[in-house]
Amino acid sequence: MDIKKDFPIFNNRNIAYLDSGATTQKPIQVINAINEFYEKYNANPHRGAYSLSIEATEVYENTRDKIAEFINAKSREEIIFSKNATESLNLLAYSYGLENLKQDDEVVISIMEHHSNLVPWQKVCEKTGSKLNYMYINDEFELTDEEIESKITNKTKIVGITHVSNVLGTINNIDKIIKYAHKKGAIVIVDGSQSIPHMKIDVQKLDADFFVFSGHKMLAPLGIGVLYGKKELLNKMTPFLMGGDMIEYVYEQKTTFAPLPNKFEAGTQNVEGVVGLGAAIDYIKNVGYDKIKEIEDEVVSYAIESLKKLDYLDLYLTPNKENHSSVISFNIKGVHPHDVASILDSEGVCVRSGNHCAQPLMRFLGIDSTCRASFYFYNNKQDVDKLVNAIEKAYGMFKKYIKL
């Protein structure tokens, strides 16, 4: 099964692309779907009574139905299109957080959170007089049950948690977190950006109050994201953005808002992104999550085994394989990650270097940054071999300068 052949970039560049945690490459099926939209259906949805606009509306809204089915939402009205997970999280912070938090309430997040699920809560807590608390990881880069139960209390009103850490690859026990938070009367916001590309999501089974993700991390175009929320919660929230298509009636001094989902979709939307996301979902369903897991487990296990043989590397990942996804962060001892990444690039290996929008986590770990190799199901063992060979080259170049 040569999956790479579906991805034009691999025909145009001889690279080992190991940065899918930042954004995935796009299969030809997604690219073709976007082209087809512009060639056959391009018009502004919800705006026209003419047939082309009606067809564009159908394309747009049919994808909403597809996403609702894909994550098993109870209603299509629970699917809100956004720009990305970051915008979805900001929407929740301002539309839900500002409206519902008060003095001395508590928001609990993990130290693993991406800045997108951290900075908005800092701002909202500052404005409302509520307190931001953190759940910290243990030496195995995991949240213990004791940590969860000690931090989520009767004062907790909102819990924000990444399903999978974008730095460590740790798969958090969100079933436990959601159940315990609900027991304490809190709502739970799950950042699924790093999970939904790799595993089947059932929001009803999870009982998540909100679940957000970005399309571009799961084969779709840049600039399209999804916010799932329970209908009863979304109905009580005020809109985050105001403008066209999210209103019902506008008077000189008063406005009423459209019902869900339009209430949260102001202005002309990224219709090509929605179309691409629909095609990406079709592609993922065609491959199947079981097959995706099978491929990734084999490649990531091979990568971990190979990297562990390099005694000059620091690896930042849980030893519990069942709790680890497709992300491997590492450092060559005594060498800055940016230098390592640059040398890897010269060998055609694409990894990310930096703090990965997780500065509090880096500070907690006592480091400034890491290199990060993040895998997807189009990767293979040859990509891993290129990575290892490139790391060996980098180490060879810096070996005599390293002071351990």
Protein backbone atom coordinates (compact mmCIF):
# COMPACT_ATOMS: atom_id res chain seq x y z
CA MET A 1 0.00 0.00 0.00
CA ASP A 2 1.99 2.98 -1.30
CA ILE A 3 0.19 5.85 0.37
CA LYS A 4 2.87 8.39 -0.60
CA LYS A 5 1.78 8.24 -4.24
CA ASP A 6 -1.43 10.09 -3.27
CA PHE A 7 0.60 13.07 -2.03
CA PRO A 8 2.00 15.21 -4.87
CA ILE A 9 4.58 16.92 -2.67
CA PHE A 10 6.46 13.64 -2.30
CA ASN A 11 6.71 13.41 -6.09
CA ASN A 12 8.09 16.94 -6.23
CA ARG A 13 10.48 16.84 -3.29
CA ASN A 14 12.80 14.14 -2.01
CA ILE A 15 12.15 14.69 1.69
CA ALA A 16 11.40 12.84 4.88
CA TYR A 17 8.55 15.03 6.09
CA LEU A 18 8.37 14.65 9.87
CA ASP A 19 6.39 17.74 10.85
CA SER A 20 2.81 16.55 10.54
CA GLY A 21 2.12 17.78 14.08
CA ALA A 22 2.47 21.29 12.63
CA THR A 23 0.58 20.58 9.41
CA THR A 24 -0.04 17.51 7.29
CA GLN A 25 0.61 17.19 3.59
CA LYS A 26 -2.45 17.08 1.32
CA PRO A 27 -3.51 14.14 -0.86
CA ILE A 28 -4.45 14.73 -4.49
CA GLN A 29 -8.07 13.89 -3.62
CA VAL A 30 -8.25 16.97 -1.35
CA ILE A 31 -6.51 19.19 -3.90
CA ASN A 32 -8.87 18.01 -6.64
CA ALA A 33 -11.94 18.62 -4.48
CA ILE A 34 -10.87 22.24 -3.93
CA ASN A 35 -10.22 22.73 -7.65
CA GLU A 36 -13.60 21.20 -8.49
CA PHE A 37 -15.37 23.60 -6.14
CA TYR A 38 -13.83 26.63 -7.84
CA GLU A 39 -14.40 25.21 -11.31
CA LYS A 40 -18.04 24.18 -10.78
CA TYR A 41 -19.62 25.59 -7.61
CA ASN A 42 -17.95 28.85 -6.64
CA ALA A 43 -20.46 31.26 -5.12
CA ASN A 44 -21.17 32.70 -1.69
CA PRO A 45 -23.26 30.27 0.41
CA HIS A 46 -26.44 31.48 2.10
CA ARG A 47 -26.34 34.73 0.11
CA GLY A 48 -28.11 34.11 -3.19
CA ALA A 49 -31.44 32.82 -4.50
CA TYR A 50 -29.82 31.77 -7.78
CA SER A 51 -28.91 28.13 -8.44
CA LEU A 52 -25.11 28.49 -8.22
CA SER A 53 -25.30 30.02 -4.74
CA ILE A 54 -27.78 27.35 -3.69
CA GLU A 55 -25.40 24.63 -4.90
CA ALA A 56 -22.51 26.26 -3.02
CA THR A 57 -24.69 26.30 0.09
CA GLU A 58 -25.42 22.59 -0.35
CA VAL A 59 -21.72 21.79 -0.70
CA TYR A 60 -20.95 23.80 2.44
CA GLU A 61 -23.78 22.43 4.57
CA ASN A 62 -23.36 18.83 3.40
CA THR A 63 -19.86 18.93 4.82
CA ARG A 64 -21.28 20.01 8.17
CA ASP A 65 -23.44 16.87 8.11
CA LYS A 66 -20.37 14.80 7.20
CA ILE A 67 -18.39 16.18 10.16
CA ALA A 68 -21.28 15.64 12.57
CA GLU A 69 -21.42 12.00 11.49
CA PHE A 70 -17.62 11.68 11.58
CA ILE A 71 -17.36 12.65 15.26
CA ASN A 72 -20.84 11.35 16.18
CA ALA A 73 -22.33 14.68 17.21
CA LYS A 74 -25.95 14.50 18.23
CA SER A 75 -26.92 17.33 15.88
CA ARG A 76 -25.47 19.10 12.83
CA GLU A 77 -26.15 22.36 14.65
CA GLU A 78 -23.39 21.44 17.10
CA ILE A 79 -20.75 21.82 14.37
CA ILE A 80 -19.34 25.35 14.08
CA PHE A 81 -16.79 26.22 11.40
CA SER A 82 -13.86 28.37 12.48
CA LYS A 83 -10.45 29.35 11.15
CA ASN A 84 -8.62 26.78 13.27
CA ALA A 85 -8.49 25.28 16.77
CA THR A 86 -6.96 28.51 18.07
CA GLU A 87 -9.98 30.55 16.96
CA SER A 88 -12.33 27.91 18.38
CA LEU A 89 -10.59 28.07 21.77
CA ASN A 90 -10.67 31.87 21.78
CA LEU A 91 -14.36 31.76 20.93
CA LEU A 92 -14.96 29.54 23.95
CA ALA A 93 -12.83 31.68 26.25
CA TYR A 94 -14.66 34.87 25.36
CA SER A 95 -18.18 33.61 24.64
CA TYR A 96 -18.37 31.02 27.40
CA GLY A 97 -15.60 31.95 29.85
CA LEU A 98 -16.34 35.67 30.16
CA GLU A 99 -20.05 35.01 30.51
CA ASN A 100 -19.86 32.25 33.10
CA LEU A 101 -16.79 32.80 35.29
CA LYS A 102 -16.88 35.00 38.36
CA GLN A 103 -14.64 36.03 41.25
CA ASP A 104 -12.84 33.07 42.90
CA ASP A 105 -14.00 30.51 40.33
CA GLU A 106 -11.24 28.28 38.99
CA VAL A 107 -10.14 27.22 35.52
CA VAL A 108 -7.94 24.12 35.36
CA ILE A 109 -5.66 23.28 32.44
CA SER A 110 -2.60 21.06 32.08
CA ILE A 111 1.00 22.27 31.89
CA MET A 112 1.08 20.57 28.47
CA GLU A 113 -1.32 22.97 26.81
CA HIS A 114 -0.55 24.74 23.56
CA HIS A 115 -0.55 28.51 24.06
CA SER A 116 -3.93 28.58 22.29
CA ASN A 117 -5.52 26.76 25.23
CA LEU A 118 -3.56 28.73 27.81
CA VAL A 119 -3.19 32.41 26.96
CA PRO A 120 -6.96 33.02 26.41
CA TRP A 121 -7.66 31.59 29.89
CA GLN A 122 -5.03 33.87 31.41
CA LYS A 123 -6.86 36.84 29.91
CA VAL A 124 -10.33 35.65 30.90
CA CYS A 125 -9.27 34.85 34.45
CA GLU A 126 -7.69 38.28 34.75
CA LYS A 127 -10.90 39.95 33.59
CA THR A 128 -13.27 37.88 35.75
CA GLY A 129 -11.20 37.57 38.92
CA SER A 130 -11.12 33.81 38.62
CA LYS A 131 -8.01 31.69 39.16
CA LEU A 132 -6.01 29.65 36.64
CA ASN A 133 -4.66 26.37 38.03
CA TYR A 134 -2.42 23.76 36.40
CA MET A 135 -2.25 19.98 36.42
CA TYR A 136 1.41 18.95 36.27
CA ILE A 137 2.97 15.86 34.73
CA ASN A 138 5.04 13.22 36.52
CA ASP A 139 8.48 11.88 35.58
CA GLU A 140 6.86 9.72 32.89
CA PHE A 141 5.33 12.80 31.23
CA GLU A 142 1.79 11.83 32.26
CA LEU A 143 -1.00 13.23 34.42
CA THR A 144 -1.68 10.97 37.38
CA ASP A 145 -5.15 10.32 38.78
CA GLU A 146 -3.98 11.94 42.02
CA GLU A 147 -3.01 15.13 40.17
CA ILE A 148 -6.33 15.26 38.34
CA GLU A 149 -8.35 14.76 41.53
CA SER A 150 -6.32 17.24 43.58
CA LYS A 151 -6.55 20.06 41.02
CA ILE A 152 -10.17 19.71 39.87
CA THR A 153 -12.28 20.83 42.84
CA ASN A 154 -15.74 22.13 43.63
CA LYS A 155 -14.46 25.60 42.68
CA THR A 156 -13.52 24.43 39.19
CA LYS A 157 -15.90 25.68 36.50
CA ILE A 158 -13.89 24.98 33.33
CA VAL A 159 -11.30 22.31 32.52
CA GLY A 160 -9.24 22.70 29.35
CA ILE A 161 -7.20 19.70 28.29
CA THR A 162 -5.22 18.66 25.25
CA HIS A 163 -6.17 15.15 24.16
CA VAL A 164 -2.61 14.53 22.91
CA SER A 165 0.39 16.71 23.78
CA ASN A 166 1.90 18.36 20.71
CA VAL A 167 5.34 18.22 22.41
CA LEU A 168 5.41 14.92 24.26
CA GLY A 169 2.92 12.81 22.32
CA THR A 170 1.31 11.84 25.64
CA ILE A 171 -2.28 10.65 25.22
CA ASN A 172 -4.11 12.07 28.20
CA ASN A 173 -6.80 10.17 30.06
CA ILE A 174 -9.59 12.47 29.00
CA ASP A 175 -12.26 9.89 29.90
CA LYS A 176 -11.15 10.16 33.53
CA ILE A 177 -10.78 13.95 33.35
CA ILE A 178 -14.23 14.49 31.81
CA LYS A 179 -15.99 12.18 34.27
CA TYR A 180 -14.26 13.70 37.28
CA ALA A 181 -14.80 17.28 36.10
CA HIS A 182 -18.50 16.64 35.51
CA LYS A 183 -18.74 15.10 38.98
CA LYS A 184 -17.42 18.43 40.32
CA GLY A 185 -19.84 20.45 38.17
CA ALA A 186 -17.28 21.74 35.65
CA ILE A 187 -17.49 21.74 31.86
CA VAL A 188 -14.62 20.29 29.78
CA ILE A 189 -13.01 21.69 26.66
CA VAL A 190 -10.90 19.16 24.74
CA ASP A 191 -8.25 20.28 22.27
CA GLY A 192 -8.31 17.43 19.75
CA SER A 193 -5.88 18.95 17.25
CA GLN A 194 -3.29 16.21 17.77
CA SER A 195 -5.73 13.34 18.32
CA ILE A 196 -8.36 13.37 15.58
CA PRO A 197 -5.82 12.85 12.76
CA HIS A 198 -4.80 9.58 14.41
CA MET A 199 -7.79 8.12 16.25
CA LYS A 200 -11.57 7.84 15.97
CA ILE A 201 -13.40 10.48 17.99
CA ASP A 202 -16.90 9.93 19.38
CA VAL A 203 -17.93 13.12 21.19
CA GLN A 204 -21.07 11.56 22.64
CA LYS A 205 -19.12 8.64 24.08
CA LEU A 206 -16.48 11.02 25.45
CA ASP A 207 -19.22 13.27 26.81
CA ALA A 208 -16.98 16.25 26.04
CA ASP A 209 -18.80 19.56 26.40
CA PHE A 210 -16.63 21.11 23.68
CA PHE A 211 -14.14 19.54 21.28
CA VAL A 212 -12.00 21.57 18.88
CA PHE A 213 -9.65 20.69 16.04
CA SER A 214 -7.86 22.12 12.99
CA GLY A 215 -8.40 20.68 9.53
CA HIS A 216 -4.84 21.24 8.33
CA LYS A 217 -3.50 18.69 10.81
CA MET A 218 -5.72 16.00 9.25
CA LEU A 219 -5.01 16.41 5.50
CA ALA A 220 -7.35 19.39 4.94
CA PRO A 221 -6.31 22.89 3.80
CA LEU A 222 -4.95 25.58 6.08
CA GLY A 223 -7.46 27.99 7.57
CA ILE A 224 -10.36 25.70 8.44
CA GLY A 225 -11.22 24.49 11.93
CA VAL A 226 -14.14 23.02 13.83
CA LEU A 227 -15.74 23.72 17.17
CA TYR A 228 -18.09 21.04 18.43
CA GLY A 229 -20.22 22.02 21.39
CA LYS A 230 -23.22 20.56 23.13
CA LYS A 231 -26.27 22.27 21.72
CA GLU A 232 -27.66 23.38 25.08
CA LEU A 233 -24.38 25.15 25.89
CA LEU A 234 -23.98 26.78 22.47
CA ASN A 235 -27.54 28.10 22.61
CA LYS A 236 -26.78 29.93 25.86
CA MET A 237 -23.59 31.55 24.55
CA THR A 238 -23.33 34.96 22.92
CA PRO A 239 -21.53 35.26 19.56
CA PHE A 240 -17.80 35.92 19.46
CA LEU A 241 -17.74 37.67 16.05
CA MET A 242 -20.46 39.94 14.69
CA GLY A 243 -21.39 40.63 11.07
CA GLY A 244 -23.04 39.10 8.06
CA ASP A 245 -24.92 35.79 8.16
CA MET A 246 -24.92 35.46 11.95
CA ILE A 247 -27.82 37.85 12.48
CA GLU A 248 -31.57 37.43 12.42
CA TYR A 249 -32.77 41.04 12.48
CA VAL A 250 -30.82 44.27 12.81
CA TYR A 251 -32.45 47.49 14.00
CA GLU A 252 -30.75 50.80 14.63
CA GLN A 253 -30.18 50.09 18.33
CA LYS A 254 -30.70 46.34 18.65
CA THR A 255 -29.84 43.07 16.92
CA THR A 256 -31.13 39.53 17.28
CA PHE A 257 -28.93 36.61 16.29
CA ALA A 258 -29.50 33.71 13.94
CA PRO A 259 -29.99 30.22 15.38
CA LEU A 260 -27.21 27.64 15.50
CA PRO A 261 -24.88 27.08 13.80
CA ASN A 262 -25.00 30.41 11.91
CA LYS A 263 -24.84 32.39 15.16
CA PHE A 264 -21.11 31.72 15.39
CA GLU A 265 -20.19 31.96 11.70
CA ALA A 266 -19.92 35.66 10.90
CA GLY A 267 -18.92 36.79 7.45
CA THR A 268 -18.06 34.86 4.31
CA GLN A 269 -16.58 31.55 5.37
CA ASN A 270 -13.60 29.58 4.07
CA VAL A 271 -15.77 27.47 1.79
CA GLU A 272 -12.85 25.91 -0.07
CA GLY A 273 -11.44 24.88 3.31
CA VAL A 274 -14.74 23.28 4.26
CA VAL A 275 -14.80 21.42 0.94
CA GLY A 276 -11.21 20.29 1.48
CA LEU A 277 -12.01 19.14 5.02
CA GLY A 278 -14.87 17.07 3.69
CA ALA A 279 -12.56 15.43 1.15
CA ALA A 280 -9.95 14.84 3.87
CA ILE A 281 -12.53 13.06 6.01
CA ASP A 282 -13.48 10.89 3.04
CA TYR A 283 -9.80 10.02 2.54
CA ILE A 284 -9.28 9.15 6.23
CA LYS A 285 -12.42 7.00 6.25
CA ASN A 286 -11.26 5.23 3.10
CA VAL A 287 -7.88 4.37 4.65
CA GLY A 288 -9.50 3.63 8.02
CA TYR A 289 -8.34 4.52 11.52
CA ASP A 290 -7.35 0.90 12.18
CA LYS A 291 -4.97 0.97 9.22
CA ILE A 292 -3.67 4.41 10.22
CA LYS A 293 -2.91 3.10 13.72
CA GLU A 294 -1.26 -0.04 12.35
CA ILE A 295 1.07 1.96 10.09
CA GLU A 296 1.89 4.58 12.71
CA ASP A 297 2.50 2.06 15.50
CA GLU A 298 5.03 0.22 13.36
CA VAL A 299 6.86 3.35 12.16
CA VAL A 300 6.86 5.21 15.49
CA SER A 301 7.99 2.11 17.41
CA TYR A 302 10.83 1.69 14.92
CA ALA A 303 11.74 5.35 15.34
CA ILE A 304 11.80 5.14 19.15
CA GLU A 305 13.92 1.98 19.07
CA SER A 306 16.34 3.58 16.60
CA LEU A 307 16.66 6.86 18.51
CA LYS A 308 17.14 5.12 21.86
CA LYS A 309 20.35 3.60 20.45
CA LEU A 310 21.86 7.10 20.17
CA ASP A 311 23.18 7.67 23.69
CA TYR A 312 23.84 11.35 23.01
CA LEU A 313 20.11 12.06 22.64
CA ASP A 314 17.63 13.17 25.28
CA LEU A 315 14.17 11.81 24.49
CA TYR A 316 11.04 13.37 25.99
CA LEU A 317 8.35 10.71 25.84
CA THR A 318 6.40 8.45 28.14
CA PRO A 319 7.65 4.86 28.43
CA ASN A 320 4.03 3.69 28.39
CA LYS A 321 3.55 2.86 24.71
CA GLU A 322 -0.23 2.70 24.94
CA ASN A 323 -0.26 6.31 26.16
CA HIS A 324 1.99 7.65 23.40
CA SER A 325 0.94 8.97 20.01
CA SER A 326 3.04 9.92 16.97
CA VAL A 327 5.21 12.77 18.35
CA ILE A 328 8.84 12.33 19.42
CA SER A 329 10.69 15.28 20.94
CA PHE A 330 14.45 15.00 21.31
CA ASN A 331 17.66 16.95 21.76
CA ILE A 332 21.28 16.24 21.03
CA LYS A 333 22.90 16.88 24.40
CA GLY A 334 24.70 20.22 24.36
CA VAL A 335 23.50 21.30 20.88
CA HIS A 336 20.79 23.87 20.20
CA PRO A 337 17.74 22.35 18.46
CA HIS A 338 17.74 25.05 15.75
CA ASP A 339 21.26 24.02 14.74
CA VAL A 340 20.24 20.37 14.67
CA ALA A 341 17.12 21.09 12.61
CA SER A 342 19.13 23.10 10.08
CA ILE A 343 21.56 20.24 9.54
CA LEU A 344 18.69 17.76 9.27
CA ASP A 345 17.13 20.02 6.63
CA SER A 346 20.34 19.87 4.60
CA GLU A 347 19.80 16.10 4.52
CA GLY A 348 16.19 16.42 3.37
CA VAL A 349 14.69 15.74 6.80
CA CYS A 350 11.94 18.11 7.98
CA VAL A 351 11.52 18.41 11.76
CA ARG A 352 10.35 21.30 13.86
CA SER A 353 12.60 22.99 16.40
CA GLY A 354 11.62 25.46 19.09
CA ASN A 355 9.26 25.61 22.05
CA HIS A 356 6.28 24.36 19.99
CA CYS A 357 3.97 27.04 21.43
CA ALA A 358 4.34 25.41 24.84
CA GLN A 359 6.72 27.64 26.78
CA PRO A 360 5.32 26.81 30.26
CA LEU A 361 5.86 23.11 29.56
CA MET A 362 9.43 23.74 28.42
CA ARG A 363 10.10 25.76 31.55
CA PHE A 364 8.62 22.98 33.68
CA LEU A 365 10.91 20.45 31.97
CA GLY A 366 13.91 22.72 32.55
CA ILE A 367 14.71 23.17 28.88
CA ASP A 368 14.34 25.95 26.33
CA SER A 369 13.29 24.00 23.24
CA THR A 370 13.45 20.66 21.45
CA CYS A 371 13.54 19.11 18.04
CA ARG A 372 10.27 17.38 17.25
CA ALA A 373 9.63 14.60 14.77
CA SER A 374 5.91 14.08 14.24
CA PHE A 375 4.73 11.19 12.10
CA TYR A 376 1.64 10.41 10.03
CA PHE A 377 0.52 7.37 8.12
CA TYR A 378 2.32 8.44 4.92
CA ASN A 379 5.64 8.02 6.73
CA ASN A 380 7.67 4.79 6.55
CA LYS A 381 10.80 3.21 7.98
CA GLN A 382 12.92 4.79 5.24
CA ASP A 383 11.94 8.21 6.64
CA VAL A 384 13.11 7.06 10.06
CA ASP A 385 16.42 5.86 8.63
CA LYS A 386 16.96 9.26 6.98
CA LEU A 387 16.21 10.94 10.31
CA VAL A 388 18.71 8.78 12.21
CA ASN A 389 21.43 9.23 9.59
CA ALA A 390 20.92 13.00 9.61
CA ILE A 391 21.09 13.12 13.43
CA GLU A 392 24.32 11.12 13.32
CA LYS A 393 25.73 13.65 10.86
CA ALA A 394 24.70 16.55 13.10
CA TYR A 395 26.28 14.90 16.14
CA GLY A 396 29.45 14.26 14.20
CA MET A 397 29.71 17.93 13.28
CA PHE A 398 29.25 19.15 16.86
CA LYS A 399 30.84 16.30 18.80
CA LYS A 400 34.16 18.00 19.50
CA TYR A 401 32.44 21.20 20.70
CA ILE A 402 29.96 19.58 23.09
CA LYS A 403 30.58 20.13 26.79
CA LEU A 404 28.49 17.70 28.81
